[in-house]
N, C-alpha and C. Protein backbone atom coordinates (compact mmCIF):
# COMPACT_ATOMS: atom_id res chain seq x y z
N MET A 1 153.36 176.51 117.44
CA MET A 1 152.67 175.37 117.41
C MET A 1 152.49 175.52 118.48
N ALA A 2 151.47 175.75 119.56
CA ALA A 2 150.85 175.65 120.62
C ALA A 2 150.92 174.33 120.94
N GLU A 3 151.49 173.77 122.30
CA GLU A 3 151.47 172.47 122.96
C GLU A 3 150.21 172.40 124.18
N ARG A 4 149.87 173.47 124.86
CA ARG A 4 149.29 173.42 125.72
C ARG A 4 147.82 174.32 125.32
N ILE A 5 146.69 173.74 125.11
CA ILE A 5 145.48 174.35 124.52
C ILE A 5 144.77 174.24 125.59
N MET A 6 144.00 175.81 125.70
CA MET A 6 142.74 175.01 126.66
C MET A 6 142.02 175.86 126.47
N ILE A 7 140.87 174.98 126.11
CA ILE A 7 139.44 175.76 125.44
C ILE A 7 138.33 175.94 126.44
N ILE A 8 137.71 176.85 126.53
CA ILE A 8 136.91 177.31 127.51
C ILE A 8 135.96 178.41 126.89
N GLY A 9 134.49 177.94 127.11
CA GLY A 9 133.17 179.15 127.19
C GLY A 9 132.21 178.26 127.27
N SER A 10 130.66 178.62 126.86
CA SER A 10 129.50 178.55 127.37
C SER A 10 128.98 176.75 127.01
N PRO A 11 128.81 176.50 127.56
CA PRO A 11 127.91 174.41 127.21
C PRO A 11 127.26 175.21 125.97
N GLY A 12 127.40 174.32 124.71
CA GLY A 12 126.80 174.85 123.63
C GLY A 12 127.49 175.27 122.49
N SER A 13 129.04 175.62 123.24
CA SER A 13 129.62 176.76 122.36
C SER A 13 130.49 176.35 121.24
N GLY A 14 130.85 174.77 121.39
CA GLY A 14 131.00 174.48 120.27
C GLY A 14 132.93 173.74 120.90
N LYS A 15 132.95 174.01 122.30
CA LYS A 15 134.42 173.47 123.00
C LYS A 15 134.50 172.35 122.67
N SER A 16 133.98 171.06 122.61
CA SER A 16 134.16 169.44 122.59
C SER A 16 134.68 169.55 120.86
N THR A 17 133.69 169.69 120.30
CA THR A 17 134.07 170.24 118.75
C THR A 17 135.26 170.50 118.29
N LEU A 18 135.27 171.67 118.37
CA LEU A 18 136.72 172.45 118.51
C LEU A 18 137.80 171.57 119.06
N ALA A 19 137.93 171.05 120.42
CA ALA A 19 138.99 170.23 120.77
C ALA A 19 139.05 168.86 120.04
N ARG A 20 138.27 168.30 119.47
CA ARG A 20 138.34 166.93 118.93
C ARG A 20 139.33 167.65 117.52
N GLU A 21 138.53 168.42 116.84
CA GLU A 21 139.00 169.06 115.22
C GLU A 21 140.39 169.31 115.57
N LEU A 22 141.32 169.96 116.66
CA LEU A 22 142.40 170.14 116.93
C LEU A 22 143.62 168.80 117.13
N ALA A 23 142.81 168.25 118.28
CA ALA A 23 143.98 167.39 118.17
C ALA A 23 143.65 166.29 117.43
N ALA A 24 142.87 165.94 116.57
CA ALA A 24 142.82 164.97 115.23
C ALA A 24 144.21 165.69 114.49
N ARG A 25 143.89 167.14 115.00
CA ARG A 25 144.87 168.26 113.14
C ARG A 25 146.27 168.17 113.45
N GLU A 26 146.51 168.45 115.07
CA GLU A 26 147.77 169.06 116.17
C GLU A 26 148.29 167.64 116.34
N GLY A 27 147.36 166.45 116.74
CA GLY A 27 148.46 164.81 117.42
C GLY A 27 148.56 165.22 118.95
N LEU A 28 147.59 166.52 119.19
CA LEU A 28 147.83 166.56 121.35
C LEU A 28 146.61 165.56 121.68
N PRO A 29 147.27 165.57 122.74
CA PRO A 29 146.42 165.10 123.63
C PRO A 29 144.89 165.73 124.14
N LEU A 30 143.84 164.98 124.16
CA LEU A 30 142.99 165.48 124.43
C LEU A 30 141.87 164.89 126.15
N PHE A 31 141.91 166.01 126.55
CA PHE A 31 141.04 165.54 128.02
C PHE A 31 139.57 166.17 128.00
N HIS A 32 138.82 165.79 128.09
CA HIS A 32 138.01 166.60 128.02
C HIS A 32 136.90 166.12 129.82
N LEU A 33 136.93 167.86 130.05
CA LEU A 33 137.10 167.73 131.88
C LEU A 33 135.62 167.03 132.08
N ASP A 34 134.57 166.88 131.35
CA ASP A 34 133.27 166.49 132.03
C ASP A 34 133.39 165.42 132.15
N GLN A 35 134.47 164.27 131.42
CA GLN A 35 134.96 163.02 131.16
C GLN A 35 135.05 162.36 132.73
N LEU A 36 136.36 163.72 133.24
CA LEU A 36 137.04 163.44 134.23
C LEU A 36 136.25 163.69 135.91
N TYR A 37 135.25 164.76 135.33
CA TYR A 37 134.78 165.14 136.22
C TYR A 37 133.58 164.39 137.05
N TRP A 38 132.69 163.80 135.93
CA TRP A 38 131.75 163.05 135.97
C TRP A 38 131.90 161.96 136.45
N SER A 39 131.24 161.04 137.29
CA SER A 39 131.40 159.46 137.53
C SER A 39 129.80 158.97 136.66
N ALA A 40 129.57 157.41 136.64
CA ALA A 40 128.26 156.97 136.64
C ALA A 40 127.10 157.27 137.32
N GLY A 41 126.23 158.03 136.55
CA GLY A 41 125.26 158.09 137.61
C GLY A 41 125.25 160.08 137.94
N TRP A 42 125.94 160.69 137.40
CA TRP A 42 126.69 161.99 137.13
C TRP A 42 126.61 162.16 138.50
N VAL A 43 127.46 161.39 139.37
CA VAL A 43 128.29 161.68 140.50
C VAL A 43 129.50 162.29 140.64
N GLU A 44 129.43 163.68 141.01
CA GLU A 44 130.43 164.33 141.39
C GLU A 44 131.54 163.68 141.68
N THR A 45 133.19 164.37 141.41
CA THR A 45 134.43 163.84 142.13
C THR A 45 134.59 164.98 143.34
N ASP A 46 134.86 164.13 144.04
CA ASP A 46 135.72 164.79 145.35
C ASP A 46 136.64 165.77 145.08
N LYS A 47 136.31 167.00 145.46
CA LYS A 47 137.17 168.24 145.03
C LYS A 47 138.71 168.61 145.46
N ALA A 48 139.11 168.00 146.63
CA ALA A 48 140.20 166.90 146.59
C ALA A 48 140.74 166.49 145.29
N LYS A 49 140.27 165.23 145.51
CA LYS A 49 140.96 164.71 144.25
C LYS A 49 140.82 165.33 142.80
N TRP A 50 139.43 166.06 142.33
CA TRP A 50 139.30 166.68 141.37
C TRP A 50 140.83 167.57 141.09
N ALA A 51 141.09 168.33 142.22
CA ALA A 51 142.45 169.67 142.14
C ALA A 51 143.57 168.35 141.51
N ALA A 52 143.60 167.41 142.40
CA ALA A 52 145.10 166.90 142.52
C ALA A 52 145.32 166.71 140.59
N GLN A 53 143.75 165.83 140.23
CA GLN A 53 143.57 165.08 138.52
C GLN A 53 143.99 166.48 137.78
N VAL A 54 143.55 167.52 137.88
CA VAL A 54 143.65 168.80 137.00
C VAL A 54 144.81 168.74 137.22
N ALA A 55 145.69 169.54 138.58
CA ALA A 55 147.38 170.24 138.55
C ALA A 55 148.12 168.90 137.79
N GLU A 56 147.09 167.40 137.93
CA GLU A 56 148.52 166.36 137.48
C GLU A 56 148.40 166.43 135.31
N LEU A 57 147.18 167.07 134.86
CA LEU A 57 146.96 167.11 134.01
C LEU A 57 148.11 168.12 132.97
N ALA A 58 147.19 169.10 133.78
CA ALA A 58 148.27 170.41 133.63
C ALA A 58 149.39 170.54 133.28
N ALA A 59 150.34 169.58 134.39
CA ALA A 59 151.67 169.25 134.44
C ALA A 59 151.86 168.96 133.12
N GLN A 60 151.64 168.08 132.07
CA GLN A 60 151.56 167.17 131.34
C GLN A 60 152.61 168.54 129.92
N PRO A 61 153.35 167.78 129.28
CA PRO A 61 153.68 168.93 128.00
C PRO A 61 152.90 169.32 127.21
N ARG A 62 152.30 168.24 126.66
CA ARG A 62 151.46 168.58 125.50
C ARG A 62 150.23 168.12 126.37
N TRP A 63 148.84 169.15 125.47
CA TRP A 63 147.41 168.87 125.82
C TRP A 63 146.96 170.19 125.01
N ILE A 64 145.20 169.30 125.12
CA ILE A 64 144.25 169.78 124.71
C ILE A 64 143.05 169.67 125.70
N ILE A 65 142.39 170.98 126.56
CA ILE A 65 142.27 170.42 127.83
C ILE A 65 140.93 171.53 127.08
N ASP A 66 139.27 170.76 127.26
CA ASP A 66 138.30 170.81 126.77
C ASP A 66 137.40 171.22 127.99
N GLY A 67 137.08 172.79 128.71
CA GLY A 67 136.24 172.42 129.73
C GLY A 67 136.43 173.71 130.82
N ASN A 68 135.24 174.42 131.50
CA ASN A 68 135.29 175.33 131.97
C ASN A 68 135.75 175.09 133.44
N TYR A 69 134.82 174.73 134.45
CA TYR A 69 135.44 174.17 135.82
C TYR A 69 136.51 175.30 136.13
N SER A 70 135.43 176.64 136.66
CA SER A 70 136.31 177.71 137.23
C SER A 70 137.72 177.75 138.49
N GLY A 71 136.93 176.40 138.93
CA GLY A 71 138.29 176.48 140.07
C GLY A 71 138.77 175.68 139.91
N THR A 72 139.25 175.32 138.80
CA THR A 72 140.56 174.72 138.33
C THR A 72 141.41 175.28 137.23
N GLN A 73 141.02 176.92 136.86
CA GLN A 73 141.23 177.45 135.14
C GLN A 73 142.56 177.87 136.02
N ASP A 74 142.79 178.49 137.09
CA ASP A 74 144.02 179.05 137.51
C ASP A 74 145.63 177.91 136.84
N VAL A 75 145.28 176.71 137.40
CA VAL A 75 146.05 176.09 137.64
C VAL A 75 146.41 175.57 135.75
N ARG A 76 145.08 175.65 134.81
CA ARG A 76 145.39 175.35 133.81
C ARG A 76 145.92 176.50 132.93
N LEU A 77 145.47 177.90 133.42
CA LEU A 77 146.32 178.84 132.39
C LEU A 77 147.47 179.10 133.07
N ALA A 78 147.95 178.52 133.85
CA ALA A 78 149.50 178.80 134.26
C ALA A 78 150.34 178.14 133.59
N ARG A 79 149.54 177.18 133.01
CA ARG A 79 150.43 176.44 132.27
C ARG A 79 150.17 176.02 130.39
N ALA A 80 149.32 176.54 130.15
CA ALA A 80 148.46 176.78 129.07
C ALA A 80 149.56 178.25 127.82
N ASP A 81 149.86 177.84 126.69
CA ASP A 81 150.35 178.62 125.85
C ASP A 81 149.27 179.46 125.19
N ARG A 82 148.01 178.59 124.94
CA ARG A 82 147.39 179.29 124.24
C ARG A 82 145.60 179.28 124.54
N VAL A 83 145.01 180.08 124.96
CA VAL A 83 143.81 179.92 125.40
C VAL A 83 142.78 180.63 124.13
N ILE A 84 141.75 179.40 123.85
CA ILE A 84 140.66 179.59 123.21
C ILE A 84 139.28 179.24 124.05
N LEU A 85 138.80 181.01 123.81
CA LEU A 85 137.77 181.31 124.46
C LEU A 85 136.34 181.80 123.37
N ILE A 86 135.50 180.96 123.57
CA ILE A 86 134.31 180.18 122.85
C ILE A 86 132.91 181.41 123.06
N ASP A 87 132.86 182.62 122.30
CA ASP A 87 131.87 183.22 122.82
C ASP A 87 130.68 183.48 122.23
N LEU A 88 130.39 182.21 121.93
CA LEU A 88 128.76 182.81 121.35
C LEU A 88 127.40 182.68 121.66
N SER A 89 126.74 183.82 121.58
CA SER A 89 125.64 183.90 121.71
C SER A 89 124.54 183.03 122.53
N PRO A 90 124.60 183.44 123.73
CA PRO A 90 123.47 182.42 124.92
C PRO A 90 122.34 182.08 124.22
N PHE A 91 121.39 182.21 123.37
CA PHE A 91 120.65 182.25 122.20
C PHE A 91 121.10 180.80 121.76
N ARG A 92 122.32 180.89 120.61
CA ARG A 92 122.85 180.23 119.88
C ARG A 92 122.97 178.95 121.06
N CYS A 93 124.01 179.32 121.76
CA CYS A 93 124.16 177.93 122.62
C CYS A 93 122.67 177.17 123.82
N THR A 94 122.06 177.80 123.42
CA THR A 94 120.66 177.23 124.16
C THR A 94 120.15 176.36 123.04
N TRP A 95 120.36 176.57 121.70
CA TRP A 95 119.35 176.12 121.13
C TRP A 95 120.66 174.98 120.53
N ARG A 96 121.40 174.97 120.67
CA ARG A 96 122.04 173.83 120.51
C ARG A 96 122.36 172.99 121.10
N ILE A 97 121.91 173.43 122.89
CA ILE A 97 122.10 172.34 123.85
C ILE A 97 120.62 171.67 123.35
N ILE A 98 119.34 172.20 122.95
CA ILE A 98 118.09 171.38 123.43
C ILE A 98 118.34 170.90 122.03
N LYS A 99 118.76 171.09 121.01
CA LYS A 99 118.94 170.15 119.44
C LYS A 99 120.00 168.71 119.84
N ARG A 100 120.55 169.26 121.02
CA ARG A 100 121.76 167.70 121.64
C ARG A 100 120.93 167.38 122.50
N VAL A 101 120.40 167.76 123.30
CA VAL A 101 119.56 166.58 124.20
C VAL A 101 118.26 166.29 122.94
N LEU A 102 117.42 166.62 122.54
CA LEU A 102 116.49 165.77 121.75
C LEU A 102 117.55 164.91 120.50
N ALA A 103 118.33 165.42 120.30
CA ALA A 103 119.12 164.17 119.15
C ALA A 103 120.08 162.92 120.26
N SER A 104 120.11 163.17 121.23
CA SER A 104 120.88 162.10 122.19
C SER A 104 120.32 161.71 123.22
N ARG A 105 119.20 162.05 123.81
CA ARG A 105 118.43 162.02 125.08
C ARG A 105 118.63 160.43 125.39
N GLY A 106 119.10 160.25 126.58
CA GLY A 106 119.48 158.94 127.06
C GLY A 106 121.02 157.95 126.88
N LYS A 107 121.33 159.16 125.67
CA LYS A 107 122.82 158.32 125.27
C LYS A 107 124.42 159.40 125.72
N THR A 108 125.07 158.45 126.03
CA THR A 108 126.32 159.38 126.68
C THR A 108 127.11 160.11 125.38
N ARG A 109 127.37 161.16 125.48
CA ARG A 109 127.85 162.31 124.67
C ARG A 109 129.35 161.31 124.68
N PRO A 110 130.58 161.51 123.65
CA PRO A 110 131.79 161.08 123.45
C PRO A 110 132.34 161.61 124.34
N ASP A 111 132.17 162.86 124.70
CA ASP A 111 133.39 163.90 125.58
C ASP A 111 132.56 163.81 127.03
N MET A 112 131.68 163.33 127.53
CA MET A 112 131.29 162.69 128.64
C MET A 112 131.34 161.95 129.30
N ALA A 113 131.78 161.83 130.59
CA ALA A 113 131.77 160.22 131.32
C ALA A 113 131.07 159.11 130.53
N GLU A 114 131.42 158.05 131.12
CA GLU A 114 130.38 157.05 130.56
C GLU A 114 129.32 156.19 131.84
N GLY A 115 128.32 156.28 131.35
CA GLY A 115 127.25 156.26 132.48
C GLY A 115 126.33 157.77 132.59
N CYS A 116 127.22 158.62 131.78
CA CYS A 116 126.17 159.64 132.07
C CYS A 116 125.39 160.66 130.76
N PRO A 117 124.43 159.77 130.56
CA PRO A 117 123.58 159.98 129.82
C PRO A 117 122.99 161.60 129.58
N GLU A 118 122.92 162.02 128.42
CA GLU A 118 122.15 163.25 128.10
C GLU A 118 120.72 163.55 128.62
N ARG A 119 120.93 164.38 129.35
CA ARG A 119 119.67 165.01 130.04
C ARG A 119 118.74 166.19 129.98
N PHE A 120 118.09 166.96 130.31
CA PHE A 120 117.45 167.80 129.91
C PHE A 120 117.34 168.24 131.53
N SER A 121 117.89 169.86 131.74
CA SER A 121 117.36 170.21 132.73
C SER A 121 117.30 171.90 132.95
N LEU A 122 116.48 172.21 133.40
CA LEU A 122 116.31 174.31 133.29
C LEU A 122 117.42 174.56 134.22
N THR A 123 117.70 173.77 135.45
CA THR A 123 118.77 174.86 135.83
C THR A 123 119.61 174.78 135.17
N PHE A 124 119.92 173.96 133.94
CA PHE A 124 121.19 174.05 133.28
C PHE A 124 121.32 174.90 132.12
N LEU A 125 120.06 175.20 131.43
CA LEU A 125 119.47 175.84 130.10
C LEU A 125 120.05 177.20 131.09
N TRP A 126 119.29 177.66 132.33
CA TRP A 126 119.56 178.73 133.13
C TRP A 126 121.01 179.15 132.97
N TYR A 127 121.96 178.47 133.38
CA TYR A 127 123.18 178.48 133.28
C TYR A 127 123.62 178.88 131.82
N VAL A 128 123.71 178.11 130.68
CA VAL A 128 123.64 178.65 129.27
C VAL A 128 123.48 180.10 129.21
N LEU A 129 121.98 180.41 129.59
CA LEU A 129 121.59 181.34 129.54
C LEU A 129 122.01 182.65 130.09
N SER A 130 122.87 182.55 131.28
CA SER A 130 123.59 183.52 131.66
C SER A 130 124.70 183.22 132.21
N PHE A 131 125.30 182.60 131.20
CA PHE A 131 126.91 182.46 131.12
C PHE A 131 127.53 183.48 131.02
N ARG A 132 127.05 184.68 129.99
CA ARG A 132 127.77 185.85 129.86
C ARG A 132 127.62 186.73 131.21
N ILE A 133 126.92 186.51 131.65
CA ILE A 133 126.31 187.38 132.82
C ILE A 133 127.23 187.27 134.48
N ARG A 134 127.34 185.53 134.80
CA ARG A 134 127.64 185.03 135.78
C ARG A 134 129.02 184.82 135.59
N ALA A 135 129.35 183.67 134.58
CA ALA A 135 130.26 182.88 134.46
C ALA A 135 131.79 183.95 134.00
N LEU A 136 131.00 183.93 132.80
CA LEU A 136 132.07 184.97 131.93
C LEU A 136 133.12 185.84 133.22
N PRO A 137 132.14 186.67 133.30
CA PRO A 137 132.95 187.54 134.15
C PRO A 137 134.21 187.40 134.94
N ARG A 138 134.04 186.34 135.77
CA ARG A 138 134.82 185.51 136.25
C ARG A 138 135.94 185.09 135.60
N THR A 139 136.01 184.39 134.52
CA THR A 139 136.83 184.16 133.80
C THR A 139 137.69 185.11 133.05
N LEU A 140 137.10 186.16 132.47
CA LEU A 140 137.72 187.44 132.05
C LEU A 140 139.01 187.87 133.46
N GLU A 141 138.16 187.78 134.14
CA GLU A 141 139.05 188.46 135.46
C GLU A 141 140.31 187.41 135.20
N LYS A 142 140.51 186.47 135.24
CA LYS A 142 141.06 185.45 135.37
C LYS A 142 142.14 185.69 134.08
N LEU A 143 141.95 185.81 133.02
CA LEU A 143 142.31 185.73 132.11
C LEU A 143 143.17 187.21 131.98
N GLU A 144 142.89 188.49 133.01
CA GLU A 144 143.67 189.49 132.89
C GLU A 144 145.56 189.46 132.74
N GLY A 145 145.38 188.54 133.87
CA GLY A 145 146.74 188.49 133.94
C GLY A 145 147.46 187.42 132.93
N TYR A 146 146.90 186.75 132.04
CA TYR A 146 147.44 185.56 131.15
C TYR A 146 148.35 185.86 130.25
N ASN A 147 149.37 185.35 130.03
CA ASN A 147 150.29 186.14 128.97
C ASN A 147 150.78 185.40 127.92
N GLY A 148 150.05 184.27 127.93
CA GLY A 148 149.88 183.56 126.58
C GLY A 148 149.01 184.06 125.28
N GLU A 149 148.64 182.96 124.46
CA GLU A 149 147.83 183.38 123.42
C GLU A 149 146.57 183.60 123.71
N LEU A 150 145.53 184.34 123.37
CA LEU A 150 144.38 184.36 124.02
C LEU A 150 143.56 184.49 122.21
N VAL A 151 142.57 183.26 122.19
CA VAL A 151 142.00 183.74 120.50
C VAL A 151 140.64 183.75 121.44
N TRP A 152 140.18 184.48 121.02
CA TRP A 152 138.23 185.28 121.28
C TRP A 152 137.81 184.44 120.39
N LEU A 153 136.88 183.57 120.44
CA LEU A 153 135.98 183.40 118.69
C LEU A 153 134.40 183.78 119.19
N GLY A 154 133.75 184.76 118.54
CA GLY A 154 132.50 184.88 118.88
C GLY A 154 131.34 184.76 117.62
N THR A 155 131.77 184.32 116.81
CA THR A 155 130.81 183.56 116.00
C THR A 155 130.90 182.41 115.09
N PRO A 156 130.14 181.77 114.71
CA PRO A 156 130.32 180.07 113.76
C PRO A 156 131.71 181.04 113.36
N HIS A 157 131.33 181.46 112.26
CA HIS A 157 131.91 181.99 111.24
C HIS A 157 133.79 182.07 111.66
N GLU A 158 133.93 182.84 112.88
CA GLU A 158 134.93 183.34 113.45
C GLU A 158 135.79 181.65 113.65
N ILE A 159 134.68 180.58 113.92
CA ILE A 159 135.62 179.56 114.21
C ILE A 159 135.99 178.73 112.98
N ALA A 160 134.89 178.82 111.76
CA ALA A 160 135.56 177.93 110.74
C ALA A 160 137.18 178.91 110.48
N GLY A 161 137.13 180.05 110.39
CA GLY A 161 138.13 180.89 110.13
C GLY A 161 139.22 180.35 110.95
N PHE A 162 139.56 180.53 112.24
CA PHE A 162 140.46 179.77 112.41
C PHE A 162 140.74 178.79 112.48
N LEU A 163 139.79 178.08 112.34
CA LEU A 163 140.52 176.07 111.70
C LEU A 163 140.80 176.67 110.32
N LYS A 164 140.71 177.46 109.29
CA LYS A 164 141.29 177.28 108.31
C LYS A 164 142.41 178.10 108.39
N SER A 165 142.93 179.34 109.11
CA SER A 165 143.87 179.93 109.26
C SER A 165 144.74 179.06 109.71
N GLU A 166 144.22 178.05 110.99
CA GLU A 166 145.21 176.86 111.55
C GLU A 166 146.03 175.99 110.40
N GLN A 167 144.29 175.42 109.69
CA GLN A 167 144.87 174.57 108.44
C GLN A 167 146.22 174.78 107.76
N ARG A 168 146.51 176.29 107.17
CA ARG A 168 147.08 177.14 106.66
C ARG A 168 148.47 176.36 107.24
N LEU A 169 148.54 176.99 108.55
CA LEU A 169 149.82 176.77 109.62
C LEU A 169 150.01 175.93 109.27
N ASP A 170 149.26 174.89 109.25
CA ASP A 170 149.60 173.31 109.66
C ASP A 170 150.30 172.86 108.41
N GLU A 171 150.10 173.32 106.81
CA GLU A 171 150.33 173.16 105.24
C GLU A 171 151.55 173.62 105.47
N ASP A 172 151.74 175.26 105.56
CA ASP A 172 153.13 175.67 106.00
C ASP A 172 154.28 175.28 106.03
N ARG A 173 154.00 174.58 108.03
CA ARG A 173 154.56 174.03 108.64
C ARG A 173 155.36 172.16 108.05
N HIS A 174 154.68 171.78 106.88
CA HIS A 174 154.82 170.47 107.13
C HIS A 174 155.60 170.69 105.11
N GLU A 175 155.62 171.97 104.66
CA GLU A 175 155.73 171.79 103.26
C GLU A 175 157.52 172.04 103.53
């Protein structure tokens, strides 16, 4: 069983949902990087403080860490024994973001910092649409030297299949 799981992928891909499901199932502490990086009013954390905070998290013996934040990926990769990369189509992720904004506009999501309500931004939507072209290649470069287990999930069907296989493994462990 993996003790340190890093979940990465485009916004809107389902990272936080998968992280919550796995944390509940495996009993691992869950950390949403968005909750830690942002302060009320969408204020960013100081870079040095942020790097120290992520290093402290990664040093813990057991965790699920959900979020990209490429500037701290190396620290997390060095400790993760499993990386789950969710690589859904940019259009699916964009659609999910739009639905999420419409459903919870003005409310704060459970995986977001308090005082950071859901909001709409064309810049953010562009980031989601261009994720595979701009952000993913940098992440894949970092993953080239990774020696742990890499789980690449490219469709909602693959995510569901992964969760089913994990459930079977859990059941086998508890028999």
